[in-house]
Amino acid sequence: WSNYSGAPDATAGDREYRLANAGRPPGRTGSEDQFVPKVSL
């Protein structure tokens, strides 16, 4: 970190985030909407 501006999954901004959040990396999020019908005759 002292010799390079960043690394794969470990950029300078990522390091600052980890230091501010007890070593935890940034989270990943995902969302979706689904319509689940059922019809029976």
ModelCIF file with pLDDT and N, C-alpha, C, O atoms, coordinates in Angstrom:
data_MODEL
#
_entry.id   MODEL 
#
_entity.id                         1 
_entity.type                       polymer 
_entity.pdbx_number_of_molecules   1 
#
_entity_poly.entity_id                      1 
_entity_poly.type                           'polypeptide(L)' 
_entity_poly.nstd_linkage                   no 
_entity_poly.nstd_monomer                   no 
_entity_poly.pdbx_seq_one_letter_code       WSNYSGAPDATAGDREYRLANAGRPPGRTGSEDQFVPKVSL 
_entity_poly.pdbx_seq_one_letter_code_can   WSNYSGAPDATAGDREYRLANAGRPPGRTGSEDQFVPKVSL 
_entity_poly.pdbx_strand_id                 A 
#
loop_
_entity_poly_seq.entity_id 
_entity_poly_seq.num 
_entity_poly_seq.mon_id 
_entity_poly_seq.hetero 
1 1  TRP n 
1 2  SER n 
1 3  ASN n 
1 4  TYR n 
1 5  SER n 
1 6  GLY n 
1 7  ALA n 
1 8  PRO n 
1 9  ASP n 
1 10 ALA n 
1 11 THR n 
1 12 ALA n 
1 13 GLY n 
1 14 ASP n 
1 15 ARG n 
1 16 GLU n 
1 17 TYR n 
1 18 ARG n 
1 19 LEU n 
1 20 ALA n 
1 21 ASN n 
1 22 ALA n 
1 23 GLY n 
1 24 ARG n 
1 25 PRO n 
1 26 PRO n 
1 27 GLY n 
1 28 ARG n 
1 29 THR n 
1 30 GLY n 
1 31 SER n 
1 32 GLU n 
1 33 ASP n 
1 34 GLN n 
1 35 PHE n 
1 36 VAL n 
1 37 PRO n 
1 38 LYS n 
1 39 VAL n 
1 40 SER n 
1 41 LEU n 
#
_struct_asym.id          A 
_struct_asym.entity_id   1 
#
loop_
_ma_qa_metric.id 
_ma_qa_metric.mode 
_ma_qa_metric.name 
_ma_qa_metric.software_group_id 
_ma_qa_metric.type 
1 global pLDDT . pLDDT 
2 local  pLDDT . pLDDT 
#
_ma_qa_metric_global.metric_id      1 
_ma_qa_metric_global.metric_value   69.46 
_ma_qa_metric_global.model_id       1 
_ma_qa_metric_global.ordinal_id     1 
#
loop_
_ma_qa_metric_local.label_asym_id 
_ma_qa_metric_local.label_comp_id 
_ma_qa_metric_local.label_seq_id 
_ma_qa_metric_local.metric_id 
_ma_qa_metric_local.metric_value 
_ma_qa_metric_local.model_id 
_ma_qa_metric_local.ordinal_id 
A TRP 1  2 71.00 1 1  
A SER 2  2 73.00 1 2  
A ASN 3  2 71.00 1 3  
A TYR 4  2 60.00 1 4  
A SER 5  2 49.00 1 5  
A GLY 6  2 47.00 1 6  
A ALA 7  2 47.00 1 7  
A PRO 8  2 44.00 1 8  
A ASP 9  2 78.00 1 9  
A ALA 10 2 47.00 1 10 
A THR 11 2 51.00 1 11 
A ALA 12 2 50.00 1 12 
A GLY 13 2 57.00 1 13 
A ASP 14 2 65.00 1 14 
A ARG 15 2 65.00 1 15 
A GLU 16 2 72.00 1 16 
A TYR 17 2 73.00 1 17 
A ARG 18 2 69.00 1 18 
A LEU 19 2 72.00 1 19 
A ALA 20 2 78.00 1 20 
A ASN 21 2 75.00 1 21 
A ALA 22 2 67.00 1 22 
A GLY 23 2 65.00 1 23 
A ARG 24 2 68.00 1 24 
A PRO 25 2 68.00 1 25 
A PRO 26 2 72.00 1 26 
A GLY 27 2 74.00 1 27 
A ARG 28 2 76.00 1 28 
A THR 29 2 77.00 1 29 
A GLY 30 2 77.00 1 30 
A SER 31 2 79.00 1 31 
A GLU 32 2 78.00 1 32 
A ASP 33 2 77.00 1 33 
A GLN 34 2 77.00 1 34 
A PHE 35 2 78.00 1 35 
A VAL 36 2 79.00 1 36 
A PRO 37 2 81.00 1 37 
A LYS 38 2 82.00 1 38 
A VAL 39 2 85.00 1 39 
A SER 40 2 86.00 1 40 
A LEU 41 2 88.00 1 41 
#
loop_
_atom_site.group_PDB 
_atom_site.id 
_atom_site.type_symbol 
_atom_site.label_atom_id 
_atom_site.label_alt_id 
_atom_site.label_comp_id 
_atom_site.label_asym_id 
_atom_site.label_entity_id 
_atom_site.label_seq_id 
_atom_site.pdbx_PDB_ins_code 
_atom_site.Cartn_x 
_atom_site.Cartn_y 
_atom_site.Cartn_z 
_atom_site.occupancy 
_atom_site.B_iso_or_equiv 
_atom_site.pdbx_formal_charge 
_atom_site.auth_seq_id 
_atom_site.auth_comp_id 
_atom_site.auth_asym_id 
_atom_site.auth_atom_id 
_atom_site.pdbx_PDB_model_num 
ATOM 1   N N  . TRP A 1 1  ? 0.814   -1.205  0.000   1.00 71.00 ? 1  TRP A N  1 
ATOM 2   C CA . TRP A 1 1  ? 0.000   0.000   0.000   1.00 71.00 ? 1  TRP A CA 1 
ATOM 3   C C  . TRP A 1 1  ? 0.858   1.270   0.000   1.00 71.00 ? 1  TRP A C  1 
ATOM 4   O O  . TRP A 1 1  ? 0.441   2.303   -0.524  1.00 71.00 ? 1  TRP A O  1 
ATOM 5   N N  . SER A 1 2  ? 2.043   1.191   0.582   1.00 73.00 ? 2  SER A N  1 
ATOM 6   C CA . SER A 1 2  ? 2.915   2.364   0.632   1.00 73.00 ? 2  SER A CA 1 
ATOM 7   C C  . SER A 1 2  ? 3.671   2.588   -0.668  1.00 73.00 ? 2  SER A C  1 
ATOM 8   O O  . SER A 1 2  ? 4.226   3.666   -0.880  1.00 73.00 ? 2  SER A O  1 
ATOM 9   N N  . ASN A 1 3  ? 3.702   1.568   -1.558  1.00 71.00 ? 3  ASN A N  1 
ATOM 10  C CA . ASN A 1 3  ? 4.451   1.677   -2.796  1.00 71.00 ? 3  ASN A CA 1 
ATOM 11  C C  . ASN A 1 3  ? 3.580   1.775   -4.034  1.00 71.00 ? 3  ASN A C  1 
ATOM 12  O O  . ASN A 1 3  ? 4.047   2.198   -5.092  1.00 71.00 ? 3  ASN A O  1 
ATOM 13  N N  . TYR A 1 4  ? 2.296   1.380   -3.910  1.00 60.00 ? 4  TYR A N  1 
ATOM 14  C CA . TYR A 1 4  ? 1.417   1.391   -5.072  1.00 60.00 ? 4  TYR A CA 1 
ATOM 15  C C  . TYR A 1 4  ? 0.118   2.098   -4.704  1.00 60.00 ? 4  TYR A C  1 
ATOM 16  O O  . TYR A 1 4  ? -0.314  2.081   -3.551  1.00 60.00 ? 4  TYR A O  1 
ATOM 17  N N  . SER A 1 5  ? -0.493  2.718   -5.710  1.00 49.00 ? 5  SER A N  1 
ATOM 18  C CA . SER A 1 5  ? -1.716  3.472   -5.440  1.00 49.00 ? 5  SER A CA 1 
ATOM 19  C C  . SER A 1 5  ? -2.893  2.563   -5.128  1.00 49.00 ? 5  SER A C  1 
ATOM 20  O O  . SER A 1 5  ? -3.848  2.980   -4.472  1.00 49.00 ? 5  SER A O  1 
ATOM 21  N N  . GLY A 1 6  ? -2.827  1.327   -5.595  1.00 47.00 ? 6  GLY A N  1 
ATOM 22  C CA . GLY A 1 6  ? -3.929  0.410   -5.328  1.00 47.00 ? 6  GLY A CA 1 
ATOM 23  C C  . GLY A 1 6  ? -3.576  -1.003  -5.706  1.00 47.00 ? 6  GLY A C  1 
ATOM 24  O O  . GLY A 1 6  ? -2.544  -1.257  -6.328  1.00 47.00 ? 6  GLY A O  1 
ATOM 25  N N  . ALA A 1 7  ? -4.443  -1.924  -5.325  1.00 47.00 ? 7  ALA A N  1 
ATOM 26  C CA . ALA A 1 7  ? -4.264  -3.339  -5.653  1.00 47.00 ? 7  ALA A CA 1 
ATOM 27  C C  . ALA A 1 7  ? -5.635  -3.933  -5.938  1.00 47.00 ? 7  ALA A C  1 
ATOM 28  O O  . ALA A 1 7  ? -6.645  -3.366  -5.520  1.00 47.00 ? 7  ALA A O  1 
ATOM 29  N N  . PRO A 1 8  ? -5.698  -5.098  -6.662  1.00 44.00 ? 8  PRO A N  1 
ATOM 30  C CA . PRO A 1 8  ? -6.993  -5.740  -6.955  1.00 44.00 ? 8  PRO A CA 1 
ATOM 31  C C  . PRO A 1 8  ? -7.760  -5.945  -5.615  1.00 44.00 ? 8  PRO A C  1 
ATOM 32  O O  . PRO A 1 8  ? -7.221  -6.568  -4.700  1.00 44.00 ? 8  PRO A O  1 
ATOM 33  N N  . ASP A 1 9  ? -8.849  -5.494  -5.506  1.00 78.00 ? 9  ASP A N  1 
ATOM 34  C CA . ASP A 1 9  ? -9.688  -5.601  -4.293  1.00 78.00 ? 9  ASP A CA 1 
ATOM 35  C C  . ASP A 1 9  ? -9.046  -4.946  -3.089  1.00 78.00 ? 9  ASP A C  1 
ATOM 36  O O  . ASP A 1 9  ? -9.392  -5.239  -1.944  1.00 78.00 ? 9  ASP A O  1 
ATOM 37  N N  . ALA A 1 10 ? -8.211  -4.154  -3.333  1.00 47.00 ? 10 ALA A N  1 
ATOM 38  C CA . ALA A 1 10 ? -7.542  -3.486  -2.189  1.00 47.00 ? 10 ALA A CA 1 
ATOM 39  C C  . ALA A 1 10 ? -7.025  -2.130  -2.632  1.00 47.00 ? 10 ALA A C  1 
ATOM 40  O O  . ALA A 1 10 ? -5.826  -1.864  -2.544  1.00 47.00 ? 10 ALA A O  1 
ATOM 41  N N  . THR A 1 11 ? -7.909  -1.275  -3.104  1.00 51.00 ? 11 THR A N  1 
ATOM 42  C CA . THR A 1 11 ? -7.496  0.059   -3.528  1.00 51.00 ? 11 THR A CA 1 
ATOM 43  C C  . THR A 1 11 ? -7.247  0.937   -2.319  1.00 51.00 ? 11 THR A C  1 
ATOM 44  O O  . THR A 1 11 ? -7.565  0.565   -1.190  1.00 51.00 ? 11 THR A O  1 
ATOM 45  N N  . ALA A 1 12 ? -6.664  2.130   -2.570  1.00 50.00 ? 12 ALA A N  1 
ATOM 46  C CA . ALA A 1 12 ? -6.405  3.047   -1.469  1.00 50.00 ? 12 ALA A CA 1 
ATOM 47  C C  . ALA A 1 12 ? -7.702  3.427   -0.771  1.00 50.00 ? 12 ALA A C  1 
ATOM 48  O O  . ALA A 1 12 ? -7.754  3.503   0.457   1.00 50.00 ? 12 ALA A O  1 
ATOM 49  N N  . GLY A 1 13 ? -8.764  3.670   -1.566  1.00 57.00 ? 13 GLY A N  1 
ATOM 50  C CA . GLY A 1 13 ? -10.053 3.981   -0.955  1.00 57.00 ? 13 GLY A CA 1 
ATOM 51  C C  . GLY A 1 13 ? -10.607 2.818   -0.164  1.00 57.00 ? 13 GLY A C  1 
ATOM 52  O O  . GLY A 1 13 ? -11.238 3.008   0.876   1.00 57.00 ? 13 GLY A O  1 
ATOM 53  N N  . ASP A 1 14 ? -10.372 1.610   -0.657  1.00 65.00 ? 14 ASP A N  1 
ATOM 54  C CA . ASP A 1 14 ? -10.804 0.413   0.064   1.00 65.00 ? 14 ASP A CA 1 
ATOM 55  C C  . ASP A 1 14 ? -10.089 0.304   1.403   1.00 65.00 ? 14 ASP A C  1 
ATOM 56  O O  . ASP A 1 14 ? -10.695 -0.086  2.401   1.00 65.00 ? 14 ASP A O  1 
ATOM 57  N N  . ARG A 1 15 ? -8.814  0.642   1.428   1.00 65.00 ? 15 ARG A N  1 
ATOM 58  C CA . ARG A 1 15 ? -8.060  0.580   2.675   1.00 65.00 ? 15 ARG A CA 1 
ATOM 59  C C  . ARG A 1 15 ? -8.626  1.574   3.682   1.00 65.00 ? 15 ARG A C  1 
ATOM 60  O O  . ARG A 1 15 ? -8.773  1.245   4.859   1.00 65.00 ? 15 ARG A O  1 
ATOM 61  N N  . GLU A 1 16 ? -8.945  2.788   3.232   1.00 72.00 ? 16 GLU A N  1 
ATOM 62  C CA . GLU A 1 16 ? -9.523  3.782   4.125   1.00 72.00 ? 16 GLU A CA 1 
ATOM 63  C C  . GLU A 1 16 ? -10.865 3.310   4.677   1.00 72.00 ? 16 GLU A C  1 
ATOM 64  O O  . GLU A 1 16 ? -11.186 3.537   5.844   1.00 72.00 ? 16 GLU A O  1 
ATOM 65  N N  . TYR A 1 17 ? -11.644 2.650   3.817   1.00 73.00 ? 17 TYR A N  1 
ATOM 66  C CA . TYR A 1 17 ? -12.928 2.119   4.271   1.00 73.00 ? 17 TYR A CA 1 
ATOM 67  C C  . TYR A 1 17 ? -12.730 1.066   5.345   1.00 73.00 ? 17 TYR A C  1 
ATOM 68  O O  . TYR A 1 17 ? -13.426 1.070   6.361   1.00 73.00 ? 17 TYR A O  1 
ATOM 69  N N  . ARG A 1 18 ? -11.776 0.156   5.123   1.00 69.00 ? 18 ARG A N  1 
ATOM 70  C CA . ARG A 1 18 ? -11.518 -0.905  6.092   1.00 69.00 ? 18 ARG A CA 1 
ATOM 71  C C  . ARG A 1 18 ? -11.036 -0.350  7.429   1.00 69.00 ? 18 ARG A C  1 
ATOM 72  O O  . ARG A 1 18 ? -11.461 -0.813  8.487   1.00 69.00 ? 18 ARG A O  1 
ATOM 73  N N  . LEU A 1 19 ? -10.154 0.637   7.379   1.00 72.00 ? 19 LEU A N  1 
ATOM 74  C CA . LEU A 1 19 ? -9.649  1.219   8.616   1.00 72.00 ? 19 LEU A CA 1 
ATOM 75  C C  . LEU A 1 19 ? -10.766 1.891   9.406   1.00 72.00 ? 19 LEU A C  1 
ATOM 76  O O  . LEU A 1 19 ? -10.739 1.912   10.637  1.00 72.00 ? 19 LEU A O  1 
ATOM 77  N N  . ALA A 1 20 ? -11.741 2.437   8.698   1.00 78.00 ? 20 ALA A N  1 
ATOM 78  C CA . ALA A 1 20 ? -12.853 3.119   9.361   1.00 78.00 ? 20 ALA A CA 1 
ATOM 79  C C  . ALA A 1 20 ? -13.966 2.173   9.777   1.00 78.00 ? 20 ALA A C  1 
ATOM 80  O O  . ALA A 1 20 ? -14.882 2.576   10.493  1.00 78.00 ? 20 ALA A O  1 
ATOM 81  N N  . ASN A 1 21 ? -13.900 0.898   9.334   1.00 75.00 ? 21 ASN A N  1 
ATOM 82  C CA . ASN A 1 21 ? -14.982 -0.045  9.612   1.00 75.00 ? 21 ASN A CA 1 
ATOM 83  C C  . ASN A 1 21 ? -14.459 -1.364  10.142  1.00 75.00 ? 21 ASN A C  1 
ATOM 84  O O  . ASN A 1 21 ? -14.882 -2.432  9.698   1.00 75.00 ? 21 ASN A O  1 
ATOM 85  N N  . ALA A 1 22 ? -13.534 -1.290  11.098  1.00 67.00 ? 22 ALA A N  1 
ATOM 86  C CA . ALA A 1 22 ? -13.027 -2.470  11.806  1.00 67.00 ? 22 ALA A CA 1 
ATOM 87  C C  . ALA A 1 22 ? -12.503 -3.539  10.857  1.00 67.00 ? 22 ALA A C  1 
ATOM 88  O O  . ALA A 1 22 ? -12.662 -4.730  11.122  1.00 67.00 ? 22 ALA A O  1 
ATOM 89  N N  . GLY A 1 23 ? -11.882 -3.131  9.759   1.00 65.00 ? 23 GLY A N  1 
ATOM 90  C CA . GLY A 1 23 ? -11.290 -4.071  8.827   1.00 65.00 ? 23 GLY A CA 1 
ATOM 91  C C  . GLY A 1 23 ? -12.243 -4.701  7.842   1.00 65.00 ? 23 GLY A C  1 
ATOM 92  O O  . GLY A 1 23 ? -11.835 -5.550  7.049   1.00 65.00 ? 23 GLY A O  1 
ATOM 93  N N  . ARG A 1 24 ? -13.505 -4.307  7.869   1.00 68.00 ? 24 ARG A N  1 
ATOM 94  C CA . ARG A 1 24 ? -14.492 -4.923  6.981   1.00 68.00 ? 24 ARG A CA 1 
ATOM 95  C C  . ARG A 1 24 ? -14.439 -4.297  5.593   1.00 68.00 ? 24 ARG A C  1 
ATOM 96  O O  . ARG A 1 24 ? -14.289 -3.082  5.469   1.00 68.00 ? 24 ARG A O  1 
ATOM 97  N N  . PRO A 1 25 ? -14.561 -5.113  4.545   1.00 68.00 ? 25 PRO A N  1 
ATOM 98  C CA . PRO A 1 25 ? -14.554 -4.581  3.183   1.00 68.00 ? 25 PRO A CA 1 
ATOM 99  C C  . PRO A 1 25 ? -15.910 -3.981  2.841   1.00 68.00 ? 25 PRO A C  1 
ATOM 100 O O  . PRO A 1 25 ? -16.891 -4.226  3.544   1.00 68.00 ? 25 PRO A O  1 
ATOM 101 N N  . PRO A 1 26 ? -15.976 -3.198  1.767   1.00 72.00 ? 26 PRO A N  1 
ATOM 102 C CA . PRO A 1 26 ? -17.282 -2.692  1.314   1.00 72.00 ? 26 PRO A CA 1 
ATOM 103 C C  . PRO A 1 26 ? -18.222 -3.838  0.982   1.00 72.00 ? 26 PRO A C  1 
ATOM 104 O O  . PRO A 1 26 ? -17.792 -4.880  0.487   1.00 72.00 ? 26 PRO A O  1 
ATOM 105 N N  . GLY A 1 27 ? -19.488 -3.645  1.252   1.00 74.00 ? 27 GLY A N  1 
ATOM 106 C CA . GLY A 1 27 ? -20.464 -4.702  1.032   1.00 74.00 ? 27 GLY A CA 1 
ATOM 107 C C  . GLY A 1 27 ? -20.901 -4.798  -0.414  1.00 74.00 ? 27 GLY A C  1 
ATOM 108 O O  . GLY A 1 27 ? -20.688 -3.878  -1.204  1.00 74.00 ? 27 GLY A O  1 
ATOM 109 N N  . ARG A 1 28 ? -21.513 -5.918  -0.752  1.00 76.00 ? 28 ARG A N  1 
ATOM 110 C CA . ARG A 1 28 ? -22.116 -6.139  -2.054  1.00 76.00 ? 28 ARG A CA 1 
ATOM 111 C C  . ARG A 1 28 ? -23.625 -6.166  -1.871  1.00 76.00 ? 28 ARG A C  1 
ATOM 112 O O  . ARG A 1 28 ? -24.120 -6.721  -0.890  1.00 76.00 ? 28 ARG A O  1 
ATOM 113 N N  . THR A 1 29 ? -24.357 -5.575  -2.801  1.00 77.00 ? 29 THR A N  1 
ATOM 114 C CA . THR A 1 29 ? -25.809 -5.539  -2.682  1.00 77.00 ? 29 THR A CA 1 
ATOM 115 C C  . THR A 1 29 ? -26.442 -6.041  -3.969  1.00 77.00 ? 29 THR A C  1 
ATOM 116 O O  . THR A 1 29 ? -25.842 -5.988  -5.042  1.00 77.00 ? 29 THR A O  1 
ATOM 117 N N  . GLY A 1 30 ? -27.660 -6.527  -3.837  1.00 77.00 ? 30 GLY A N  1 
ATOM 118 C CA . GLY A 1 30 ? -28.436 -6.971  -4.997  1.00 77.00 ? 30 GLY A CA 1 
ATOM 119 C C  . GLY A 1 30 ? -29.911 -6.933  -4.655  1.00 77.00 ? 30 GLY A C  1 
ATOM 120 O O  . GLY A 1 30 ? -30.289 -7.153  -3.505  1.00 77.00 ? 30 GLY A O  1 
ATOM 121 N N  . SER A 1 31 ? -30.740 -6.659  -5.635  1.00 79.00 ? 31 SER A N  1 
ATOM 122 C CA . SER A 1 31 ? -32.182 -6.613  -5.405  1.00 79.00 ? 31 SER A CA 1 
ATOM 123 C C  . SER A 1 31 ? -32.901 -7.058  -6.670  1.00 79.00 ? 31 SER A C  1 
ATOM 124 O O  . SER A 1 31 ? -32.354 -6.966  -7.769  1.00 79.00 ? 31 SER A O  1 
ATOM 125 N N  . GLU A 1 32 ? -34.122 -7.539  -6.512  1.00 78.00 ? 32 GLU A N  1 
ATOM 126 C CA . GLU A 1 32 ? -34.927 -7.972  -7.649  1.00 78.00 ? 32 GLU A CA 1 
ATOM 127 C C  . GLU A 1 32 ? -36.384 -8.014  -7.259  1.00 78.00 ? 32 GLU A C  1 
ATOM 128 O O  . GLU A 1 32 ? -36.722 -8.067  -6.076  1.00 78.00 ? 32 GLU A O  1 
ATOM 129 N N  . ASP A 1 33 ? -37.246 -7.991  -8.255  1.00 77.00 ? 33 ASP A N  1 
ATOM 130 C CA . ASP A 1 33 ? -38.683 -8.135  -8.084  1.00 77.00 ? 33 ASP A CA 1 
ATOM 131 C C  . ASP A 1 33 ? -39.150 -9.285  -8.968  1.00 77.00 ? 33 ASP A C  1 
ATOM 132 O O  . ASP A 1 33 ? -38.768 -9.376  -10.135 1.00 77.00 ? 33 ASP A O  1 
ATOM 133 N N  . GLN A 1 34 ? -39.969 -10.152 -8.414  1.00 77.00 ? 34 GLN A N  1 
ATOM 134 C CA . GLN A 1 34 ? -40.496 -11.286 -9.159  1.00 77.00 ? 34 GLN A CA 1 
ATOM 135 C C  . GLN A 1 34 ? -42.000 -11.394 -8.926  1.00 77.00 ? 34 GLN A C  1 
ATOM 136 O O  . GLN A 1 34 ? -42.484 -11.172 -7.816  1.00 77.00 ? 34 GLN A O  1 
ATOM 137 N N  . PHE A 1 35 ? -42.720 -11.730 -9.968  1.00 78.00 ? 35 PHE A N  1 
ATOM 138 C CA . PHE A 1 35 ? -44.156 -11.999 -9.898  1.00 78.00 ? 35 PHE A CA 1 
ATOM 139 C C  . PHE A 1 35 ? -44.330 -13.504 -9.976  1.00 78.00 ? 35 PHE A C  1 
ATOM 140 O O  . PHE A 1 35 ? -43.928 -14.120 -10.963 1.00 78.00 ? 35 PHE A O  1 
ATOM 141 N N  . VAL A 1 36 ? -44.930 -14.113 -8.944  1.00 79.00 ? 36 VAL A N  1 
ATOM 142 C CA . VAL A 1 36 ? -45.027 -15.573 -8.840  1.00 79.00 ? 36 VAL A CA 1 
ATOM 143 C C  . VAL A 1 36 ? -46.506 -15.957 -8.763  1.00 79.00 ? 36 VAL A C  1 
ATOM 144 O O  . VAL A 1 36 ? -47.057 -16.054 -7.667  1.00 79.00 ? 36 VAL A O  1 
ATOM 145 N N  . PRO A 1 37 ? -47.151 -16.175 -9.903  1.00 81.00 ? 37 PRO A N  1 
ATOM 146 C CA . PRO A 1 37 ? -48.571 -16.529 -9.889  1.00 81.00 ? 37 PRO A CA 1 
ATOM 147 C C  . PRO A 1 37 ? -48.804 -18.034 -9.875  1.00 81.00 ? 37 PRO A C  1 
ATOM 148 O O  . PRO A 1 37 ? -47.886 -18.819 -10.111 1.00 81.00 ? 37 PRO A O  1 
ATOM 149 N N  . LYS A 1 38 ? -50.037 -18.421 -9.596  1.00 82.00 ? 38 LYS A N  1 
ATOM 150 C CA . LYS A 1 38 ? -50.471 -19.812 -9.689  1.00 82.00 ? 38 LYS A CA 1 
ATOM 151 C C  . LYS A 1 38 ? -51.951 -19.823 -10.054 1.00 82.00 ? 38 LYS A C  1 
ATOM 152 O O  . LYS A 1 38 ? -52.755 -19.142 -9.418  1.00 82.00 ? 38 LYS A O  1 
ATOM 153 N N  . VAL A 1 39 ? -52.311 -20.594 -11.074 1.00 85.00 ? 39 VAL A N  1 
ATOM 154 C CA . VAL A 1 39 ? -53.699 -20.724 -11.502 1.00 85.00 ? 39 VAL A CA 1 
ATOM 155 C C  . VAL A 1 39 ? -53.983 -22.201 -11.732 1.00 85.00 ? 39 VAL A C  1 
ATOM 156 O O  . VAL A 1 39 ? -53.203 -22.899 -12.379 1.00 85.00 ? 39 VAL A O  1 
ATOM 157 N N  . SER A 1 40 ? -55.119 -22.678 -11.189 1.00 86.00 ? 40 SER A N  1 
ATOM 158 C CA . SER A 1 40 ? -55.483 -24.087 -11.328 1.00 86.00 ? 40 SER A CA 1 
ATOM 159 C C  . SER A 1 40 ? -56.961 -24.206 -11.636 1.00 86.00 ? 40 SER A C  1 
ATOM 160 O O  . SER A 1 40 ? -57.797 -23.542 -11.023 1.00 86.00 ? 40 SER A O  1 
ATOM 161 N N  . LEU A 1 41 ? -57.274 -25.072 -12.604 1.00 88.00 ? 41 LEU A N  1 
ATOM 162 C CA . LEU A 1 41 ? -58.660 -25.352 -12.969 1.00 88.00 ? 41 LEU A CA 1 
ATOM 163 C C  . LEU A 1 41 ? -58.853 -26.855 -13.053 1.00 88.00 ? 41 LEU A C  1 
ATOM 164 O O  . LEU A 1 41 ? -59.954 -27.321 -13.348 1.00 88.00 ? 41 LEU A O  1 
#
